[in-house]
Amino acid sequence: MKKELFYKEMLYHASLSPFKAMLENGILSGDDYRVIDTIMRAKYSPIFVEKSYQISLDNKRE
């Protein structure tokens, strides 16, 4: 794994960590957490994560 990919992977997990704690403590809802996770995945493109939380953030209806 290249250093850049490893760095992005670490940043993703480090960025999401406080939100996981907030979810566990009931401060965030599951929906809020999924939105944050989707944004972080788009930003960091982690490769060692399941795709289960990715949701569409496009609110436009066609």
PDB file of N, CA and C in Angstrom:
ATOM      1  N   MET A   1       0.855  -1.178   0.000  1.00  0.00           N
ATOM      2  CA  MET A   1       0.000   0.000   0.000  1.00  0.00           C
ATOM      3  C   MET A   1       0.898   1.238   0.000  1.00  0.00           C
ATOM      4  N   LYS A   2       0.548   2.184  -0.837  1.00  0.00           N
ATOM      5  CA  LYS A   2       1.307   3.425  -0.901  1.00  0.00           C
ATOM      6  C   LYS A   2       1.026   4.261   0.340  1.00  0.00           C
ATOM      7  N   LYS A   3       1.995   5.099   0.686  1.00  0.00           N
ATOM      8  CA  LYS A   3       1.857   5.952   1.867  1.00  0.00           C
ATOM      9  C   LYS A   3       0.612   6.835   1.785  1.00  0.00           C
ATOM     10  N   GLU A   4       0.327   7.351   0.591  1.00  0.00           N
ATOM     11  CA  GLU A   4      -0.822   8.238   0.430  1.00  0.00           C
ATOM     12  C   GLU A   4      -2.136   7.522   0.744  1.00  0.00           C
ATOM     13  N   LEU A   5      -2.278   6.275   0.266  1.00  0.00           N
ATOM     14  CA  LEU A   5      -3.492   5.507   0.545  1.00  0.00           C
ATOM     15  C   LEU A   5      -3.606   5.191   2.035  1.00  0.00           C
ATOM     16  N   PHE A   6      -2.487   4.831   2.644  1.00  0.00           N
ATOM     17  CA  PHE A   6      -2.485   4.528   4.070  1.00  0.00           C
ATOM     18  C   PHE A   6      -2.861   5.771   4.877  1.00  0.00           C
ATOM     19  N   TYR A   7      -2.317   6.917   4.484  1.00  0.00           N
ATOM     20  CA  TYR A   7      -2.600   8.173   5.161  1.00  0.00           C
ATOM     21  C   TYR A   7      -4.086   8.517   5.059  1.00  0.00           C
ATOM     22  N   LYS A   8      -4.669   8.355   3.863  1.00  0.00           N
ATOM     23  CA  LYS A   8      -6.098   8.625   3.681  1.00  0.00           C
ATOM     24  C   LYS A   8      -6.946   7.681   4.524  1.00  0.00           C
ATOM     25  N   GLU A   9      -6.544   6.430   4.596  1.00  0.00           N
ATOM     26  CA  GLU A   9      -7.268   5.442   5.400  1.00  0.00           C
ATOM     27  C   GLU A   9      -7.257   5.861   6.873  1.00  0.00           C
ATOM     28  N   MET A  10      -6.094   6.270   7.361  1.00  0.00           N
ATOM     29  CA  MET A  10      -5.975   6.701   8.755  1.00  0.00           C
ATOM     30  C   MET A  10      -6.801   7.961   9.017  1.00  0.00           C
ATOM     31  N   LEU A  11      -6.767   8.906   8.084  1.00  0.00           N
ATOM     32  CA  LEU A  11      -7.545  10.133   8.256  1.00  0.00           C
ATOM     33  C   LEU A  11      -9.041   9.841   8.300  1.00  0.00           C
ATOM     34  N   TYR A  12      -9.491   8.923   7.459  1.00  0.00           N
ATOM     35  CA  TYR A  12     -10.912   8.557   7.460  1.00  0.00           C
ATOM     36  C   TYR A  12     -11.317   8.026   8.837  1.00  0.00           C
ATOM     37  N   HIS A  13     -10.562   7.062   9.340  1.00  0.00           N
ATOM     38  CA  HIS A  13     -10.924   6.451  10.624  1.00  0.00           C
ATOM     39  C   HIS A  13     -10.789   7.444  11.774  1.00  0.00           C
ATOM     40  N   ALA A  14      -9.754   8.276  11.739  1.00  0.00           N
ATOM     41  CA  ALA A  14      -9.570   9.272  12.798  1.00  0.00           C
ATOM     42  C   ALA A  14     -10.687  10.320  12.752  1.00  0.00           C
ATOM     43  N   SER A  15     -11.091  10.711  11.560  1.00  0.00           N
ATOM     44  CA  SER A  15     -12.157  11.712  11.427  1.00  0.00           C
ATOM     45  C   SER A  15     -13.502  11.171  11.880  1.00  0.00           C
ATOM     46  N   LEU A  16     -13.732   9.901  11.652  1.00  0.00           N
ATOM     47  CA  LEU A  16     -15.025   9.306  11.986  1.00  0.00           C
ATOM     48  C   LEU A  16     -15.131   8.912  13.466  1.00  0.00           C
ATOM     49  N   SER A  17     -14.017   8.743  14.121  1.00  0.00           N
ATOM     50  CA  SER A  17     -13.997   8.267  15.505  1.00  0.00           C
ATOM     51  C   SER A  17     -14.867   9.078  16.467  1.00  0.00           C
ATOM     52  N   PRO A  18     -14.779  10.414  16.492  1.00  0.00           N
ATOM     53  CA  PRO A  18     -15.631  11.156  17.433  1.00  0.00           C
ATOM     54  C   PRO A  18     -17.121  11.010  17.113  1.00  0.00           C
ATOM     55  N   PHE A  19     -17.436  10.864  15.837  1.00  0.00           N
ATOM     56  CA  PHE A  19     -18.838  10.703  15.461  1.00  0.00           C
ATOM     57  C   PHE A  19     -19.379   9.336  15.884  1.00  0.00           C
ATOM     58  N   LYS A  20     -18.505   8.323  15.866  1.00  0.00           N
ATOM     59  CA  LYS A  20     -18.910   6.997  16.356  1.00  0.00           C
ATOM     60  C   LYS A  20     -19.245   7.074  17.842  1.00  0.00           C
ATOM     61  N   ALA A  21     -18.418   7.802  18.585  1.00  0.00           N
ATOM     62  CA  ALA A  21     -18.669   7.962  20.020  1.00  0.00           C
ATOM     63  C   ALA A  21     -19.976   8.712  20.254  1.00  0.00           C
ATOM     64  N   MET A  22     -20.228   9.734  19.447  1.00  0.00           N
ATOM     65  CA  MET A  22     -21.476  10.492  19.579  1.00  0.00           C
ATOM     66  C   MET A  22     -22.686   9.626  19.248  1.00  0.00           C
ATOM     67  N   LEU A  23     -22.544   8.749  18.267  1.00  0.00           N
ATOM     68  CA  LEU A  23     -23.620   7.820  17.919  1.00  0.00           C
ATOM     69  C   LEU A  23     -23.896   6.864  19.076  1.00  0.00           C
ATOM     70  N   GLU A  24     -22.837   6.316  19.654  1.00  0.00           N
ATOM     71  CA  GLU A  24     -22.983   5.365  20.768  1.00  0.00           C
ATOM     72  C   GLU A  24     -23.595   6.027  22.001  1.00  0.00           C
ATOM     73  N   ASN A  25     -23.339   7.324  22.181  1.00  0.00           N
ATOM     74  CA  ASN A  25     -23.876   8.051  23.340  1.00  0.00           C
ATOM     75  C   ASN A  25     -25.238   8.675  23.069  1.00  0.00           C
ATOM     76  N   GLY A  26     -25.782   8.431  21.884  1.00  0.00           N
ATOM     77  CA  GLY A  26     -27.111   8.926  21.572  1.00  0.00           C
ATOM     78  C   GLY A  26     -27.176  10.386  21.170  1.00  0.00           C
ATOM     79  N   ILE A  27     -26.030  11.008  20.936  1.00  0.00           N
ATOM     80  CA  ILE A  27     -26.002  12.410  20.537  1.00  0.00           C
ATOM     81  C   ILE A  27     -26.361  12.554  19.059  1.00  0.00           C
ATOM     82  N   LEU A  28     -25.920  11.602  18.252  1.00  0.00           N
ATOM     83  CA  LEU A  28     -26.225  11.568  16.824  1.00  0.00           C
ATOM     84  C   LEU A  28     -27.200  10.444  16.531  1.00  0.00           C
ATOM     85  N   SER A  29     -28.046  10.661  15.552  1.00  0.00           N
ATOM     86  CA  SER A  29     -28.926   9.575  15.108  1.00  0.00           C
ATOM     87  C   SER A  29     -28.170   8.723  14.091  1.00  0.00           C
ATOM     88  N   GLY A  30     -28.692   7.567  13.820  1.00  0.00           N
ATOM     89  CA  GLY A  30     -28.096   6.692  12.817  1.00  0.00           C
ATOM     90  C   GLY A  30     -28.074   7.339  11.447  1.00  0.00           C
ATOM     91  N   ASP A  31     -29.134   8.072  11.123  1.00  0.00           N
ATOM     92  CA  ASP A  31     -29.189   8.768   9.836  1.00  0.00           C
ATOM     93  C   ASP A  31     -28.107   9.845   9.740  1.00  0.00           C
ATOM     94  N   ASP A  32     -27.931  10.608  10.820  1.00  0.00           N
ATOM     95  CA  ASP A  32     -26.887  11.641  10.832  1.00  0.00           C
ATOM     96  C   ASP A  32     -25.508  11.009  10.650  1.00  0.00           C
ATOM     97  N   TYR A  33     -25.296   9.902  11.343  1.00  0.00           N
ATOM     98  CA  TYR A  33     -24.003   9.219  11.241  1.00  0.00           C
ATOM     99  C   TYR A  33     -23.754   8.736   9.812  1.00  0.00           C
ATOM    100  N   ARG A  34     -24.764   8.196   9.164  1.00  0.00           N
ATOM    101  CA  ARG A  34     -24.607   7.712   7.793  1.00  0.00           C
ATOM    102  C   ARG A  34     -24.269   8.848   6.826  1.00  0.00           C
ATOM    103  N   VAL A  35     -24.865  10.016   7.043  1.00  0.00           N
ATOM    104  CA  VAL A  35     -24.551  11.172   6.209  1.00  0.00           C
ATOM    105  C   VAL A  35     -23.090  11.584   6.406  1.00  0.00           C
ATOM    106  N   ILE A  36     -22.659  11.659   7.653  1.00  0.00           N
ATOM    107  CA  ILE A  36     -21.268  12.024   7.952  1.00  0.00           C
ATOM    108  C   ILE A  36     -20.313  10.995   7.367  1.00  0.00           C
ATOM    109  N   ASP A  37     -20.636   9.721   7.523  1.00  0.00           N
ATOM    110  CA  ASP A  37     -19.797   8.655   6.987  1.00  0.00           C
ATOM    111  C   ASP A  37     -19.691   8.754   5.469  1.00  0.00           C
ATOM    112  N   THR A  38     -20.794   9.044   4.815  1.00  0.00           N
ATOM    113  CA  THR A  38     -20.792   9.176   3.359  1.00  0.00           C
ATOM    114  C   THR A  38     -19.897  10.329   2.920  1.00  0.00           C
ATOM    115  N   ILE A  39     -19.970  11.441   3.633  1.00  0.00           N
ATOM    116  CA  ILE A  39     -19.124  12.593   3.314  1.00  0.00           C
ATOM    117  C   ILE A  39     -17.654  12.246   3.509  1.00  0.00           C
ATOM    118  N   MET A  40     -17.330  11.575   4.613  1.00  0.00           N
ATOM    119  CA  MET A  40     -15.939  11.191   4.883  1.00  0.00           C
ATOM    120  C   MET A  40     -15.416  10.186   3.852  1.00  0.00           C
ATOM    121  N   ARG A  41     -16.270   9.264   3.425  1.00  0.00           N
ATOM    122  CA  ARG A  41     -15.853   8.304   2.397  1.00  0.00           C
ATOM    123  C   ARG A  41     -15.557   9.000   1.083  1.00  0.00           C
ATOM    124  N   ALA A  42     -16.375   9.990   0.735  1.00  0.00           N
ATOM    125  CA  ALA A  42     -16.139  10.734  -0.501  1.00  0.00           C
ATOM    126  C   ALA A  42     -14.838  11.530  -0.414  1.00  0.00           C
ATOM    127  N   LYS A  43     -14.552  12.035   0.759  1.00  0.00           N
ATOM    128  CA  LYS A  43     -13.352  12.855   0.943  1.00  0.00           C
ATOM    129  C   LYS A  43     -12.075  12.020   0.960  1.00  0.00           C
ATOM    130  N   TYR A  44     -12.083  10.872   1.667  1.00  0.00           N
ATOM    131  CA  TYR A  44     -10.861  10.101   1.875  1.00  0.00           C
ATOM    132  C   TYR A  44     -10.758   8.834   1.037  1.00  0.00           C
ATOM    133  N   SER A  45     -11.825   8.362   0.471  1.00  0.00           N
ATOM    134  CA  SER A  45     -11.835   7.132  -0.348  1.00  0.00           C
ATOM    135  C   SER A  45     -11.146   5.952   0.339  1.00  0.00           C
ATOM    136  N   PRO A  46     -11.604   5.561   1.533  1.00  0.00           N
ATOM    137  CA  PRO A  46     -10.972   4.435   2.222  1.00  0.00           C
ATOM    138  C   PRO A  46     -11.224   3.129   1.470  1.00  0.00           C
ATOM    139  N   ILE A  47     -10.279   2.204   1.570  1.00  0.00           N
ATOM    140  CA  ILE A  47     -10.435   0.935   0.851  1.00  0.00           C
ATOM    141  C   ILE A  47     -10.743  -0.233   1.782  1.00  0.00           C
ATOM    142  N   PHE A  48     -10.515  -0.074   3.069  1.00  0.00           N
ATOM    143  CA  PHE A  48     -10.761  -1.162   4.015  1.00  0.00           C
ATOM    144  C   PHE A  48     -12.062  -0.970   4.786  1.00  0.00           C
ATOM    145  N   VAL A  49     -13.102  -0.551   4.091  1.00  0.00           N
ATOM    146  CA  VAL A  49     -14.391  -0.313   4.725  1.00  0.00           C
ATOM    147  C   VAL A  49     -15.479  -0.903   3.848  1.00  0.00           C
ATOM    148  N   GLU A  50     -16.494  -1.445   4.494  1.00  0.00           N
ATOM    149  CA  GLU A  50     -17.637  -1.962   3.740  1.00  0.00           C
ATOM    150  C   GLU A  50     -18.427  -0.805   3.148  1.00  0.00           C
ATOM    151  N   LYS A  51     -19.189  -1.078   2.143  1.00  0.00           N
ATOM    152  CA  LYS A  51     -19.988  -0.048   1.474  1.00  0.00           C
ATOM    153  C   LYS A  51     -21.362   0.132   2.126  1.00  0.00           C
ATOM    154  N   SER A  52     -21.623  -0.491   3.251  1.00  0.00           N
ATOM    155  CA  SER A  52     -22.965  -0.543   3.819  1.00  0.00           C
ATOM    156  C   SER A  52     -23.549   0.816   4.214  1.00  0.00           C
ATOM    157  N   TYR A  53     -22.720   1.781   4.593  1.00  0.00           N
ATOM    158  CA  TYR A  53     -23.247   3.056   5.060  1.00  0.00           C
ATOM    159  C   TYR A  53     -23.385   4.096   3.962  1.00  0.00           C
ATOM    160  N   GLN A  54     -22.865   3.825   2.776  1.00  0.00           N
ATOM    161  CA  GLN A  54     -22.919   4.840   1.730  1.00  0.00           C
ATOM    162  C   GLN A  54     -24.354   5.089   1.300  1.00  0.00           C
ATOM    163  N   ILE A  55     -24.722   6.341   1.294  1.00  0.00           N
ATOM    164  CA  ILE A  55     -26.052   6.748   0.851  1.00  0.00           C
ATOM    165  C   ILE A  55     -25.907   7.890  -0.142  1.00  0.00           C
ATOM    166  N   SER A  56     -26.909   8.098  -0.920  1.00  0.00           N
ATOM    167  CA  SER A  56     -26.911   9.188  -1.883  1.00  0.00           C
ATOM    168  C   SER A  56     -27.220  10.480  -1.153  1.00  0.00           C
ATOM    169  N   LEU A  57     -26.396  11.502  -1.389  1.00  0.00           N
ATOM    170  CA  LEU A  57     -26.642  12.794  -0.763  1.00  0.00           C
ATOM    171  C   LEU A  57     -27.353  13.741  -1.728  1.00  0.00           C
ATOM    172  N   ASP A  58     -27.666  13.274  -2.899  1.00  0.00           N
ATOM    173  CA  ASP A  58     -28.348  14.095  -3.890  1.00  0.00           C
ATOM    174  C   ASP A  58     -29.832  14.162  -3.545  1.00  0.00           C
ATOM    175  N   ASN A  59     -30.290  15.336  -3.178  1.00  0.00           N
ATOM    176  CA  ASN A  59     -31.678  15.518  -2.762  1.00  0.00           C
ATOM    177  C   ASN A  59     -32.613  15.844  -3.926  1.00  0.00           C
ATOM    178  N   LYS A  60     -32.071  15.978  -5.113  1.00  0.00           N
ATOM    179  CA  LYS A  60     -32.885  16.314  -6.268  1.00  0.00           C
ATOM    180  C   LYS A  60     -33.707  15.111  -6.700  1.00  0.00           C
ATOM    181  N   ARG A  61     -34.950  15.335  -6.932  1.00  0.00           N
ATOM    182  CA  ARG A  61     -35.853  14.263  -7.398  1.00  0.00           C
ATOM    183  C   ARG A  61     -36.100  14.479  -8.873  1.00  0.00           C
ATOM    184  N   GLU A  62     -35.982  13.435  -9.658  1.00  0.00           N
ATOM    185  CA  GLU A  62     -36.228  13.546 -11.095  1.00  0.00           C
ATOM    186  C   GLU A  62     -37.566  12.994 -11.461  1.00  0.00           C
TER     187      GLU A  62
END
